[in-house]
Amino acid sequence: MLYRNRRSMLQEKLEKRAVGTALVLSPASIAYLTGFRSDPMERFMALWIKADGTTILYVPELDEAKASTVQGIDRLVPIPDGKPATEALWETCGGEPKRCGIEKETLTLKTAEQLAELWPGTEFVDIGADIGQMRGRKTRAEADFVKAAAGYADAALEGALGFFRRGMKERELAEEIDRQIVLAGGAGPAFKTTVLGGERSALPHGDTGDYAIVEGDILLIDMGVVHEGYLSDMTRTFLVGQGTAEQERMYETVFEANRRAIDALQTGVTLASVDEAARSWIRSCGYGERFPHRVGHGLGTEIHEPPSVHGWNEQLVVTGMLLTIEPGIYIPGFGGIRIEDDLYVNEEGLVEQLTGFSKQLRRL
C-alpha cells in the first residue's frame, strides 16, 4: 500500500503537468516507488507508469527471481543480456506516448538517443524535481530507519576508537570501523568509510590511505551505516594527544557553526539561511575562505538526496525534511575539521538530531 500510494502521488503530479506517462530510471527512485532495490550496473532497469496507472517493471533477467516478490506491479519484464532495452519497451508499452516524464539527471546520452529513435514524436519532460520533492519529505518510519542506522554508527565508532593506537594506519582504523558496524547490528557501511589523519584531514573528499596517525594529528572520520535500505552519515573529528591552540580554535569554531546551523533549521526559513548561519560564523572567525562546500544535503536511500542546503537555495524548510548539517574548515598543509549530524524535521515541525555521538572535543 505504501508504494502504491507513492505512485499515485506521482501520477497526480504528472497529471497536473499534463504528462501522461513516466519512465523512471534511477534505481533509488524505483526502490522508492516499488520497494525493489537493485544495482543494475550497466544493464537497463526502469519503471514504466502509464496514464491509466498501469505499472511495468523492467529488470535484468538475472534479477527476475528477486523482482518477482514485488507487490502491486502489473507486469514484470525481465530483459536478457544482449537484448536491446528499446525492443522490450516497444513490445510492452503499447504505442508512442505524447509526453513522457523522465529524470533528466539520470538519463544517459545513450538511453536518450535510443528513446528518441524509438519514439520520435514524443516530448520528454523532466520529472526529477517531482520525484525529488516526494523523496525529500520523509515519513516517521523512514526517519526511524535513519535514526537506527545512526545509532549503529555511534556504537561502531565508539567500539573502533577502543582499538585506536598511535602509529595505526588510516585504512586499518577504517577497516575496524567497518567491522564494528556489523558487530553493532548494521547491515554494512553506507559508503566507503573515510579516515584522514594529519595534514590529510584538510582534504574534504580525501581517500583513506596508508598514512600512519601520530601524536599531534587531527583525525577526521566520515562514516555511515545501512539499515533497512536507509543510510546515515556522520563525521567526527578528534585530536591525537593534546594538540595545539590553533587546532582547538578551529574545532570550537566548527562546533559553534554546527550548533548555529541546527538552531537555524526551522520550518518556514530558507535553506540558504541555514547555510548562512554556519558560514557567517566561520567567516567572522577568519576562516571564511576555508569552508568550500555547502553546509548539508538530504539523505535517505541515497547518501545525497534533495534538498541541497547551500547559500543559493531559497526553498523553504518543511516538515519531513531529513538532512545533514556539516560545516568544516580545511587548511592545506595543516589539517581540517568537520562535524556532521543527521537532522529530521518531524511532523510537529520540531528538529530531531538522529546522530548521537558526542561533539565535544575529544583527545585520543
Protein backbone atom coordinates (compact mmCIF):
# COMPACT_ATOMS: atom_id res chain seq x y z
CA MET A 1 0.00 0.00 0.00
CA LEU A 2 2.86 2.40 0.81
CA TYR A 3 4.39 2.08 -2.64
CA ARG A 4 1.05 2.17 -4.40
CA ASN A 5 0.26 5.43 -2.60
CA ARG A 6 3.60 6.89 -3.65
CA ARG A 7 2.95 6.00 -7.26
CA SER A 8 -0.50 7.57 -7.02
CA MET A 9 1.03 10.76 -5.65
CA LEU A 10 3.46 10.84 -8.56
CA GLN A 11 0.62 10.33 -11.03
CA GLU A 12 -1.24 13.29 -9.54
CA LYS A 13 1.85 15.44 -10.03
CA LEU A 14 2.20 14.25 -13.61
CA GLU A 15 -1.46 14.91 -14.40
CA LYS A 16 -1.12 18.50 -13.19
CA ARG A 17 1.70 18.94 -15.70
CA ALA A 18 -0.19 17.13 -18.47
CA VAL A 19 2.43 14.38 -18.51
CA GLY A 20 0.58 11.17 -19.22
CA THR A 21 3.33 8.60 -18.69
CA ALA A 22 6.67 8.27 -16.95
CA LEU A 23 9.79 6.18 -17.42
CA VAL A 24 11.64 6.14 -14.09
CA LEU A 25 15.28 5.12 -14.49
CA SER A 26 17.00 5.93 -11.19
CA PRO A 27 17.45 2.75 -9.09
CA ALA A 28 16.86 4.79 -5.94
CA SER A 29 13.61 6.23 -7.31
CA ILE A 30 12.48 2.78 -8.47
CA ALA A 31 13.11 1.50 -4.95
CA TYR A 32 11.17 4.44 -3.52
CA LEU A 33 8.16 3.74 -5.77
CA THR A 34 8.16 -0.07 -5.67
CA GLY A 35 10.29 -1.33 -2.78
CA PHE A 36 12.56 -3.17 -5.23
CA ARG A 37 16.24 -2.44 -4.64
CA SER A 38 18.93 -3.47 -7.07
CA ASP A 39 22.06 -2.12 -8.71
CA PRO A 40 21.68 -2.99 -12.43
CA MET A 41 25.20 -1.73 -13.16
CA GLU A 42 25.37 -1.23 -16.93
CA ARG A 43 22.13 -3.12 -17.58
CA PHE A 44 18.75 -1.48 -18.24
CA MET A 45 16.26 -1.18 -15.39
CA ALA A 46 13.16 1.03 -15.42
CA LEU A 47 9.67 1.54 -14.06
CA TRP A 48 7.04 2.47 -16.65
CA ILE A 49 3.94 4.21 -15.29
CA LYS A 50 1.11 4.56 -17.79
CA ALA A 51 -1.58 7.21 -17.81
CA ASP A 52 -4.17 4.70 -16.55
CA GLY A 53 -1.99 3.74 -13.58
CA THR A 54 -0.63 0.53 -15.09
CA THR A 55 2.94 -0.16 -13.97
CA ILE A 56 5.59 -2.26 -15.69
CA LEU A 57 8.90 -3.04 -14.02
CA TYR A 58 11.80 -3.82 -16.36
CA VAL A 59 14.73 -5.62 -14.75
CA PRO A 60 17.82 -7.50 -15.95
CA GLU A 61 16.90 -11.15 -16.35
CA LEU A 62 19.29 -12.13 -13.57
CA ASP A 63 17.11 -10.08 -11.16
CA GLU A 64 13.84 -11.74 -12.23
CA ALA A 65 13.52 -14.03 -9.21
CA LYS A 66 14.21 -11.23 -6.75
CA ALA A 67 11.83 -8.84 -8.52
CA SER A 68 9.04 -11.44 -8.63
CA THR A 69 8.26 -10.71 -4.97
CA VAL A 70 7.45 -7.04 -5.63
CA GLN A 71 3.84 -6.28 -4.74
CA GLY A 72 1.43 -4.10 -6.74
CA ILE A 73 3.25 -4.16 -10.09
CA ASP A 74 1.03 -5.05 -13.03
CA ARG A 75 3.76 -6.65 -15.08
CA LEU A 76 7.36 -7.71 -14.64
CA VAL A 77 9.52 -7.78 -17.77
CA PRO A 78 12.94 -9.47 -17.47
CA ILE A 79 15.44 -8.37 -20.14
CA PRO A 80 18.06 -10.94 -21.18
CA ASP A 81 21.64 -9.81 -21.56
CA GLY A 82 22.14 -8.61 -25.10
CA LYS A 83 18.52 -7.74 -25.82
CA PRO A 84 18.08 -4.02 -26.58
CA ALA A 85 16.03 -2.18 -23.97
CA THR A 86 14.16 -0.38 -26.75
CA GLU A 87 12.95 -3.71 -28.10
CA ALA A 88 11.50 -4.61 -24.70
CA LEU A 89 9.84 -1.20 -24.46
CA TRP A 90 8.39 -1.47 -27.96
CA GLU A 91 6.92 -4.89 -27.19
CA THR A 92 5.24 -3.87 -23.94
CA CYS A 93 4.38 -0.17 -23.85
CA GLY A 94 1.56 -0.24 -26.39
CA GLY A 95 2.21 2.80 -28.53
CA GLU A 96 4.16 6.02 -28.56
CA PRO A 97 3.39 8.40 -25.67
CA LYS A 98 2.72 12.06 -26.40
CA ARG A 99 4.54 13.36 -23.33
CA CYS A 100 6.80 11.14 -21.25
CA GLY A 101 8.33 12.04 -17.91
CA ILE A 102 11.97 11.13 -17.32
CA GLU A 103 14.60 12.02 -14.72
CA LYS A 104 16.99 14.20 -16.68
CA GLU A 105 19.92 13.81 -14.31
CA THR A 106 19.69 10.00 -14.51
CA LEU A 107 19.20 9.74 -18.25
CA THR A 108 22.37 8.82 -20.13
CA LEU A 109 23.07 10.13 -23.61
CA LYS A 110 22.92 6.57 -24.95
CA THR A 111 19.46 5.94 -23.48
CA ALA A 112 18.25 9.38 -24.60
CA GLU A 113 19.28 8.63 -28.18
CA GLN A 114 17.59 5.22 -28.05
CA LEU A 115 14.34 6.70 -26.75
CA ALA A 116 14.39 9.46 -29.36
CA GLU A 117 14.74 6.81 -32.05
CA LEU A 118 12.05 4.58 -30.51
CA TRP A 119 9.53 7.42 -30.00
CA PRO A 120 10.46 10.22 -32.44
CA GLY A 121 7.22 12.10 -31.82
CA THR A 122 7.36 12.04 -28.02
CA GLU A 123 8.06 15.13 -25.94
CA PHE A 124 10.25 14.22 -22.97
CA VAL A 125 9.67 16.19 -19.77
CA ASP A 126 12.00 16.28 -16.78
CA ILE A 127 10.18 14.96 -13.68
CA GLY A 128 13.29 14.70 -11.50
CA ALA A 129 12.14 17.59 -9.30
CA ASP A 130 8.71 16.00 -8.82
CA ILE A 131 10.20 12.74 -7.59
CA GLY A 132 12.87 14.61 -5.65
CA GLN A 133 10.23 16.63 -3.84
CA MET A 134 8.48 13.44 -2.79
CA ARG A 135 11.67 11.71 -1.70
CA GLY A 136 12.79 14.88 0.09
CA ARG A 137 9.99 14.61 2.66
CA LYS A 138 10.48 11.56 4.83
CA THR A 139 7.83 9.76 6.87
CA ARG A 140 8.26 8.96 10.54
CA ALA A 141 9.10 5.37 9.61
CA GLU A 142 11.81 6.47 7.18
CA ALA A 143 13.32 8.80 9.78
CA ASP A 144 13.33 5.96 12.31
CA PHE A 145 15.28 3.79 9.87
CA VAL A 146 17.92 6.52 9.53
CA LYS A 147 17.94 7.02 13.30
CA ALA A 148 18.57 3.31 13.83
CA ALA A 149 21.38 3.43 11.25
CA ALA A 150 22.86 6.44 13.06
CA GLY A 151 22.68 4.55 16.35
CA TYR A 152 24.68 1.69 14.88
CA ALA A 153 27.22 4.23 13.61
CA ASP A 154 27.52 5.76 17.07
CA ALA A 155 28.22 2.35 18.61
CA ALA A 156 30.60 1.31 15.83
CA LEU A 157 32.71 4.44 16.11
CA GLU A 158 32.98 4.14 19.88
CA GLY A 159 33.94 0.50 19.53
CA ALA A 160 36.57 1.21 16.88
CA LEU A 161 38.15 4.01 18.92
CA GLY A 162 38.80 1.43 21.63
CA PHE A 163 41.23 -0.22 19.21
CA PHE A 164 42.93 3.01 18.15
CA ARG A 165 46.64 3.35 18.81
CA ARG A 166 49.29 5.79 17.67
CA GLY A 167 51.01 4.57 14.54
CA MET A 168 47.83 2.91 13.26
CA LYS A 169 47.28 3.43 9.55
CA GLU A 170 44.18 5.19 8.29
CA ARG A 171 43.00 2.12 6.40
CA GLU A 172 43.46 -0.08 9.50
CA LEU A 173 41.15 2.15 11.51
CA ALA A 174 38.65 2.30 8.64
CA GLU A 175 38.62 -1.49 8.45
CA GLU A 176 37.99 -1.69 12.20
CA ILE A 177 35.10 0.77 11.91
CA ASP A 178 33.55 -1.38 9.18
CA ARG A 179 33.96 -4.47 11.37
CA GLN A 180 32.35 -2.71 14.31
CA ILE A 181 29.40 -1.61 12.12
CA VAL A 182 28.46 -5.26 11.58
CA LEU A 183 29.06 -6.13 15.25
CA ALA A 184 26.77 -3.26 16.26
CA GLY A 185 23.94 -4.64 14.10
CA GLY A 186 24.18 -2.53 10.95
CA ALA A 187 23.81 -4.08 7.52
CA GLY A 188 27.12 -2.53 6.45
CA PRO A 189 28.79 0.79 5.66
CA ALA A 190 26.58 3.33 3.86
CA PHE A 191 29.58 4.39 1.76
CA LYS A 192 33.33 3.93 1.82
CA THR A 193 34.41 4.82 5.36
CA THR A 194 36.85 7.73 5.34
CA VAL A 195 39.67 8.11 7.85
CA LEU A 196 42.10 11.01 7.34
CA GLY A 197 44.96 11.92 9.64
CA GLY A 198 47.29 14.88 10.00
CA GLU A 199 47.55 17.23 7.03
CA ARG A 200 45.39 14.83 5.01
CA SER A 201 42.35 15.81 7.10
CA ALA A 202 42.34 19.03 5.05
CA LEU A 203 41.06 17.06 2.04
CA PRO A 204 37.24 17.43 2.14
CA HIS A 205 36.88 14.38 -0.15
CA GLY A 206 40.13 12.64 0.67
CA ASP A 207 40.71 8.91 0.26
CA THR A 208 41.72 6.73 3.17
CA GLY A 209 45.30 5.52 2.74
CA ASP A 210 48.39 4.17 4.46
CA TYR A 211 49.25 7.29 6.43
CA ALA A 212 50.24 6.36 10.00
CA ILE A 213 48.41 8.52 12.55
CA VAL A 214 50.76 10.08 15.10
CA GLU A 215 50.79 12.32 18.16
CA GLY A 216 49.56 15.84 17.42
CA ASP A 217 47.47 14.87 14.42
CA ILE A 218 43.93 15.88 13.63
CA LEU A 219 41.90 12.73 12.94
CA LEU A 220 38.78 13.09 10.76
CA ILE A 221 36.33 10.19 10.36
CA ASP A 222 33.38 10.25 7.93
CA MET A 223 31.16 7.18 8.12
CA GLY A 224 27.62 5.89 7.74
CA VAL A 225 25.56 2.74 8.16
CA VAL A 226 22.86 0.99 6.13
CA HIS A 227 19.66 -0.12 7.87
CA GLU A 228 16.56 -1.37 6.01
CA GLY A 229 17.86 0.30 2.85
CA TYR A 230 18.28 3.71 4.56
CA LEU A 231 21.60 5.41 5.26
CA SER A 232 23.13 7.51 7.99
CA ASP A 233 26.02 9.95 7.51
CA MET A 234 28.22 11.26 10.31
CA THR A 235 31.59 13.00 10.61
CA ARG A 236 33.51 13.40 13.83
CA THR A 237 36.97 14.92 14.29
CA PHE A 238 39.44 14.21 17.09
CA LEU A 239 42.84 15.38 18.29
CA VAL A 240 45.54 12.80 18.87
CA GLY A 241 47.09 13.92 22.12
CA GLN A 242 46.87 17.45 23.46
CA GLY A 243 47.09 19.16 20.06
CA THR A 244 47.70 22.87 19.54
CA ALA A 245 45.79 26.01 20.44
CA GLU A 246 45.07 26.62 16.73
CA GLN A 247 43.66 23.11 16.29
CA GLU A 248 41.40 23.67 19.27
CA ARG A 249 40.30 27.07 17.97
CA MET A 250 39.41 25.56 14.61
CA TYR A 251 37.45 22.81 16.31
CA GLU A 252 35.47 25.16 18.52
CA THR A 253 34.70 27.36 15.51
CA VAL A 254 33.23 24.42 13.59
CA PHE A 255 31.43 23.16 16.67
CA GLU A 256 29.70 26.52 17.09
CA ALA A 257 28.92 26.73 13.36
CA ASN A 258 27.27 23.31 13.59
CA ARG A 259 25.20 24.45 16.55
CA ARG A 260 24.13 27.69 14.86
CA ALA A 261 23.04 25.93 11.67
CA ILE A 262 20.99 23.40 13.65
CA ASP A 263 19.37 26.21 15.64
CA ALA A 264 18.55 27.99 12.36
CA LEU A 265 16.86 24.88 10.94
CA GLN A 266 13.20 25.77 11.46
CA THR A 267 10.11 25.38 9.31
CA GLY A 268 9.44 28.39 7.10
CA VAL A 269 13.03 29.61 6.78
CA THR A 270 15.05 29.19 3.61
CA LEU A 271 17.71 26.53 3.29
CA ALA A 272 20.05 29.33 2.22
CA SER A 273 19.64 30.93 5.64
CA VAL A 274 20.61 27.65 7.34
CA ASP A 275 23.82 27.57 5.30
CA GLU A 276 24.48 31.22 6.10
CA ALA A 277 24.04 30.65 9.84
CA ALA A 278 27.11 28.40 9.81
CA ARG A 279 29.03 30.24 7.11
CA SER A 280 28.73 33.69 8.65
CA TRP A 281 30.15 32.42 11.94
CA ILE A 282 33.09 30.71 10.26
CA ARG A 283 33.66 33.87 8.22
CA SER A 284 33.62 36.06 11.34
CA CYS A 285 36.29 33.85 12.89
CA GLY A 286 38.60 34.41 9.92
CA TYR A 287 38.14 31.05 8.20
CA GLY A 288 35.63 32.05 5.54
CA GLU A 289 37.78 31.02 2.58
CA ARG A 290 38.47 27.65 4.23
CA PHE A 291 34.84 26.45 4.10
CA PRO A 292 34.45 25.42 0.43
CA HIS A 293 31.30 23.28 0.43
CA ARG A 294 27.58 23.55 1.21
CA VAL A 295 26.53 23.07 4.81
CA GLY A 296 24.41 19.98 4.16
CA HIS A 297 22.30 17.73 1.97
CA GLY A 298 19.32 15.46 2.17
CA LEU A 299 19.79 11.73 2.67
CA GLY A 300 17.69 8.59 2.80
CA THR A 301 18.02 5.65 0.41
CA GLU A 302 20.91 7.54 -1.21
CA ILE A 303 23.65 9.35 0.64
CA HIS A 304 22.94 12.56 -1.32
CA GLU A 305 19.27 13.37 -1.91
CA PRO A 306 17.21 16.56 -2.07
CA PRO A 307 17.26 19.06 -0.56
CA SER A 308 20.64 20.72 -1.02
CA VAL A 309 21.49 23.08 1.83
CA HIS A 310 23.52 25.80 0.14
CA GLY A 311 23.58 29.57 0.07
CA TRP A 312 21.53 29.92 -3.13
CA ASN A 313 18.67 27.58 -2.26
CA GLU A 314 15.60 29.66 -1.43
CA GLN A 315 13.49 26.53 -0.84
CA LEU A 316 11.70 26.69 2.50
CA VAL A 317 12.27 24.21 5.29
CA VAL A 318 9.17 22.00 5.67
CA THR A 319 8.20 19.05 7.82
CA GLY A 320 9.58 15.75 6.65
CA MET A 321 12.97 17.06 5.57
CA LEU A 322 15.85 14.82 6.63
CA LEU A 323 19.27 16.31 6.03
CA THR A 324 22.82 16.71 7.22
CA ILE A 325 24.48 19.72 8.82
CA GLU A 326 28.24 19.52 8.23
CA PRO A 327 30.28 22.73 8.40
CA GLY A 328 34.03 22.39 8.04
CA ILE A 329 37.34 24.24 7.93
CA TYR A 330 40.22 22.93 5.80
CA ILE A 331 43.72 24.40 5.76
CA PRO A 332 46.18 22.79 3.31
CA GLY A 333 49.40 21.71 4.99
CA PHE A 334 47.79 21.96 8.44
CA GLY A 335 44.58 19.92 8.67
CA GLY A 336 40.82 20.04 8.59
CA ILE A 337 37.85 19.86 10.94
CA ARG A 338 34.31 18.77 10.05
CA ILE A 339 31.37 17.94 12.31
CA GLU A 340 28.36 16.32 10.64
CA ASP A 341 24.97 15.37 12.03
CA ASP A 342 21.73 13.96 10.62
CA LEU A 343 18.61 16.01 11.39
CA TYR A 344 14.90 15.35 10.88
CA VAL A 345 12.16 17.98 10.84
CA ASN A 346 9.32 15.96 12.33
CA GLU A 347 5.57 16.14 11.75
CA GLU A 348 5.24 18.75 14.51
CA GLY A 349 7.92 20.95 12.98
CA LEU A 350 10.46 20.10 15.67
CA VAL A 351 14.03 19.28 14.72
CA GLU A 352 15.35 15.92 15.93
CA GLN A 353 19.05 15.12 15.90
CA LEU A 354 19.40 11.50 14.78
CA THR A 355 23.17 11.19 15.34
CA GLY A 356 24.06 10.75 18.99
CA PHE A 357 27.87 10.59 19.16
CA SER A 358 29.23 13.42 21.31
CA LYS A 359 30.51 16.52 19.55
CA GLN A 360 32.59 17.80 22.46
CA LEU A 361 36.27 17.98 21.59
CA ARG A 362 37.82 14.59 22.33
CA ARG A 363 41.50 13.82 22.58
CA LEU A 364 42.64 10.27 21.88
